[in-house]
N, C-alpha and C. Protein backbone atom coordinates (compact mmCIF):
# COMPACT_ATOMS: atom_id res chain seq x y z
N MET A 1 -27.44 66.74 -12.54
CA MET A 1 -26.31 65.99 -13.03
C MET A 1 -26.35 66.00 -14.56
N ALA A 2 -25.30 66.50 -15.16
CA ALA A 2 -25.25 66.58 -16.62
C ALA A 2 -24.91 65.24 -17.26
N VAL A 3 -24.05 64.47 -16.62
CA VAL A 3 -23.61 63.18 -17.17
C VAL A 3 -23.59 62.16 -16.04
N GLY A 4 -24.22 61.02 -16.26
CA GLY A 4 -24.22 59.97 -15.24
C GLY A 4 -24.03 58.60 -15.86
N ASP A 5 -23.24 57.77 -15.21
CA ASP A 5 -23.03 56.39 -15.64
C ASP A 5 -22.58 56.27 -17.09
N LEU A 6 -21.64 57.10 -17.49
CA LEU A 6 -21.11 57.04 -18.85
C LEU A 6 -19.82 56.23 -18.85
N SER A 7 -19.74 55.29 -19.75
CA SER A 7 -18.53 54.49 -19.89
C SER A 7 -18.42 54.04 -21.33
N PHE A 8 -17.26 54.26 -21.94
CA PHE A 8 -17.03 53.76 -23.30
C PHE A 8 -15.53 53.65 -23.55
N GLU A 9 -15.19 52.84 -24.52
CA GLU A 9 -13.81 52.67 -24.96
C GLU A 9 -13.78 52.81 -26.47
N LEU A 10 -12.72 53.44 -26.97
CA LEU A 10 -12.52 53.57 -28.41
C LEU A 10 -11.17 52.98 -28.78
N GLU A 11 -11.15 52.24 -29.87
CA GLU A 11 -9.89 51.74 -30.41
C GLU A 11 -9.36 52.75 -31.42
N LYS A 12 -8.07 52.73 -31.68
CA LYS A 12 -7.46 53.64 -32.64
C LYS A 12 -8.18 53.52 -33.98
N GLY A 13 -8.58 54.66 -34.54
CA GLY A 13 -9.26 54.69 -35.82
C GLY A 13 -10.77 54.51 -35.75
N GLU A 14 -11.27 54.17 -34.59
CA GLU A 14 -12.71 53.96 -34.41
C GLU A 14 -13.41 55.31 -34.26
N ILE A 15 -14.64 55.39 -34.75
CA ILE A 15 -15.45 56.60 -34.67
C ILE A 15 -16.67 56.31 -33.82
N LEU A 16 -16.98 57.22 -32.92
CA LEU A 16 -18.14 57.10 -32.05
C LEU A 16 -18.95 58.38 -32.14
N ALA A 17 -20.25 58.27 -32.28
CA ALA A 17 -21.12 59.44 -32.32
C ALA A 17 -21.75 59.64 -30.95
N LEU A 18 -21.78 60.86 -30.50
CA LEU A 18 -22.43 61.22 -29.24
C LEU A 18 -23.59 62.14 -29.61
N ILE A 19 -24.81 61.62 -29.52
CA ILE A 19 -25.97 62.39 -29.94
C ILE A 19 -26.95 62.52 -28.79
N GLY A 20 -27.78 63.55 -28.85
CA GLY A 20 -28.80 63.76 -27.84
C GLY A 20 -29.37 65.16 -27.96
N PRO A 21 -30.47 65.42 -27.29
CA PRO A 21 -31.10 66.74 -27.36
C PRO A 21 -30.28 67.79 -26.62
N ASN A 22 -30.64 69.05 -26.84
CA ASN A 22 -30.00 70.14 -26.10
C ASN A 22 -30.13 69.88 -24.61
N GLY A 23 -29.04 70.10 -23.88
CA GLY A 23 -29.06 69.92 -22.44
C GLY A 23 -28.81 68.51 -21.96
N ALA A 24 -28.50 67.60 -22.89
CA ALA A 24 -28.30 66.19 -22.52
C ALA A 24 -26.93 65.92 -21.91
N GLY A 25 -25.99 66.85 -22.03
CA GLY A 25 -24.67 66.67 -21.44
C GLY A 25 -23.56 66.38 -22.44
N LYS A 26 -23.84 66.51 -23.74
CA LYS A 26 -22.82 66.20 -24.75
C LYS A 26 -21.59 67.09 -24.59
N THR A 27 -21.79 68.38 -24.47
CA THR A 27 -20.67 69.31 -24.32
C THR A 27 -19.93 69.05 -23.01
N THR A 28 -20.64 68.73 -21.97
CA THR A 28 -20.01 68.42 -20.68
C THR A 28 -19.10 67.20 -20.81
N VAL A 29 -19.52 66.20 -21.57
CA VAL A 29 -18.68 65.02 -21.80
C VAL A 29 -17.38 65.45 -22.47
N PHE A 30 -17.47 66.24 -23.53
CA PHE A 30 -16.26 66.68 -24.23
C PHE A 30 -15.39 67.56 -23.34
N ASN A 31 -16.01 68.39 -22.51
CA ASN A 31 -15.24 69.21 -21.57
C ASN A 31 -14.47 68.34 -20.58
N CYS A 32 -15.08 67.29 -20.11
CA CYS A 32 -14.40 66.37 -19.17
C CYS A 32 -13.30 65.57 -19.87
N LEU A 33 -13.57 65.11 -21.07
CA LEU A 33 -12.56 64.33 -21.80
C LEU A 33 -11.33 65.15 -22.12
N SER A 34 -11.53 66.42 -22.45
CA SER A 34 -10.42 67.26 -22.93
C SER A 34 -9.76 68.08 -21.83
N GLY A 35 -10.23 67.97 -20.59
CA GLY A 35 -9.58 68.65 -19.48
C GLY A 35 -10.08 70.05 -19.20
N PHE A 36 -11.09 70.51 -19.92
CA PHE A 36 -11.65 71.83 -19.65
C PHE A 36 -12.49 71.85 -18.38
N LEU A 37 -12.96 70.67 -17.97
CA LEU A 37 -13.80 70.54 -16.79
C LEU A 37 -13.47 69.21 -16.11
N PRO A 38 -13.17 69.23 -14.81
CA PRO A 38 -12.89 67.95 -14.14
C PRO A 38 -14.19 67.20 -13.86
N PRO A 39 -14.21 65.89 -14.02
CA PRO A 39 -15.42 65.14 -13.67
C PRO A 39 -15.62 65.15 -12.15
N ASP A 40 -16.88 65.18 -11.72
CA ASP A 40 -17.19 65.15 -10.28
C ASP A 40 -16.80 63.81 -9.67
N GLU A 41 -16.92 62.76 -10.45
CA GLU A 41 -16.50 61.43 -9.99
C GLU A 41 -16.11 60.61 -11.21
N GLY A 42 -15.42 59.52 -10.97
CA GLY A 42 -14.95 58.68 -12.07
C GLY A 42 -13.62 59.17 -12.61
N GLU A 43 -13.14 58.50 -13.62
CA GLU A 43 -11.83 58.78 -14.19
C GLU A 43 -11.90 58.82 -15.71
N VAL A 44 -10.99 59.58 -16.30
CA VAL A 44 -10.83 59.63 -17.75
C VAL A 44 -9.42 59.12 -18.05
N TYR A 45 -9.32 58.17 -18.98
CA TYR A 45 -8.04 57.59 -19.35
C TYR A 45 -7.80 57.76 -20.85
N LEU A 46 -6.54 57.92 -21.20
CA LEU A 46 -6.12 57.90 -22.59
C LEU A 46 -4.95 56.93 -22.67
N GLU A 47 -5.16 55.83 -23.38
CA GLU A 47 -4.14 54.78 -23.50
C GLU A 47 -3.60 54.37 -22.12
N ASP A 48 -4.50 54.05 -21.22
CA ASP A 48 -4.18 53.57 -19.86
C ASP A 48 -3.50 54.62 -18.97
N LYS A 49 -3.49 55.88 -19.39
CA LYS A 49 -2.93 56.95 -18.57
C LYS A 49 -4.07 57.80 -18.03
N LYS A 50 -4.12 57.98 -16.73
CA LYS A 50 -5.18 58.77 -16.11
C LYS A 50 -4.97 60.25 -16.43
N LEU A 51 -6.04 60.93 -16.87
CA LEU A 51 -5.95 62.32 -17.28
C LEU A 51 -6.34 63.30 -16.18
N GLY A 52 -6.80 62.80 -15.05
CA GLY A 52 -7.23 63.67 -13.96
C GLY A 52 -6.14 64.63 -13.52
N GLY A 53 -6.47 65.91 -13.42
CA GLY A 53 -5.53 66.93 -12.97
C GLY A 53 -4.67 67.53 -14.07
N LEU A 54 -4.74 66.98 -15.28
CA LEU A 54 -3.95 67.53 -16.37
C LEU A 54 -4.67 68.70 -17.02
N GLN A 55 -3.91 69.63 -17.55
CA GLN A 55 -4.45 70.78 -18.27
C GLN A 55 -4.78 70.37 -19.71
N PRO A 56 -5.70 71.10 -20.37
CA PRO A 56 -6.05 70.75 -21.75
C PRO A 56 -4.84 70.66 -22.68
N PHE A 57 -3.86 71.56 -22.53
CA PHE A 57 -2.71 71.51 -23.43
C PHE A 57 -1.88 70.24 -23.19
N GLN A 58 -1.86 69.75 -21.96
CA GLN A 58 -1.13 68.52 -21.67
C GLN A 58 -1.84 67.31 -22.28
N ILE A 59 -3.16 67.30 -22.21
CA ILE A 59 -3.94 66.22 -22.82
C ILE A 59 -3.77 66.25 -24.33
N CYS A 60 -3.73 67.44 -24.90
CA CYS A 60 -3.51 67.59 -26.34
C CYS A 60 -2.14 67.03 -26.73
N GLN A 61 -1.13 67.31 -25.93
CA GLN A 61 0.21 66.79 -26.22
C GLN A 61 0.26 65.27 -26.15
N MET A 62 -0.66 64.68 -25.40
CA MET A 62 -0.73 63.21 -25.30
C MET A 62 -1.46 62.59 -26.49
N GLY A 63 -2.15 63.43 -27.29
CA GLY A 63 -2.79 62.91 -28.49
C GLY A 63 -4.28 63.09 -28.60
N MET A 64 -4.91 63.75 -27.63
CA MET A 64 -6.35 63.98 -27.72
C MET A 64 -6.60 65.49 -27.66
N ALA A 65 -7.20 66.02 -28.72
CA ALA A 65 -7.44 67.45 -28.80
C ALA A 65 -8.91 67.72 -29.05
N ARG A 66 -9.32 68.90 -28.67
CA ARG A 66 -10.69 69.33 -28.90
C ARG A 66 -10.66 70.50 -29.87
N THR A 67 -11.60 70.51 -30.79
CA THR A 67 -11.77 71.66 -31.67
C THR A 67 -13.15 72.23 -31.44
N PHE A 68 -13.32 73.48 -31.81
CA PHE A 68 -14.59 74.16 -31.62
C PHE A 68 -15.22 74.45 -32.97
N GLN A 69 -16.54 74.48 -32.98
CA GLN A 69 -17.28 74.77 -34.19
C GLN A 69 -17.00 76.19 -34.64
N ILE A 70 -16.73 76.36 -35.93
CA ILE A 70 -16.54 77.70 -36.49
C ILE A 70 -17.87 78.09 -37.13
N VAL A 71 -18.52 79.10 -36.57
CA VAL A 71 -19.86 79.46 -37.01
C VAL A 71 -19.86 80.00 -38.43
N LYS A 72 -18.91 80.89 -38.75
CA LYS A 72 -18.87 81.47 -40.09
C LYS A 72 -17.41 81.53 -40.56
N PRO A 73 -16.88 80.41 -41.08
CA PRO A 73 -15.46 80.39 -41.46
C PRO A 73 -15.15 81.22 -42.70
N PHE A 74 -16.14 81.43 -43.57
CA PHE A 74 -15.93 82.21 -44.78
C PHE A 74 -16.75 83.49 -44.67
N LEU A 75 -16.09 84.57 -44.31
CA LEU A 75 -16.79 85.82 -44.01
C LEU A 75 -17.42 86.47 -45.24
N THR A 76 -16.94 86.17 -46.45
CA THR A 76 -17.45 86.84 -47.64
C THR A 76 -18.53 86.04 -48.38
N ILE A 77 -18.87 84.88 -47.88
CA ILE A 77 -19.87 84.03 -48.54
C ILE A 77 -21.16 84.03 -47.72
N SER A 78 -22.29 84.25 -48.40
CA SER A 78 -23.57 84.19 -47.69
C SER A 78 -24.32 82.94 -48.13
N VAL A 79 -25.23 82.52 -47.29
CA VAL A 79 -26.02 81.32 -47.59
C VAL A 79 -27.46 81.70 -47.72
């Protein structure tokens, strides 16, 4: 089980950090929240609207979007 007994609420403008070691389920949480992966049990809500069964683009249109890490955004700069 990647994620178990997770429950949280965020108010508009609030920031929450999700931290943990590799394999702790952080990416799985974001996949479930954004519609890329359906949760095995439980529900995901956005402003009292159930997100179950919606596609990621539909969830994005409702106001919650996911972005991905850009490994090398500046191709001509070395570190």
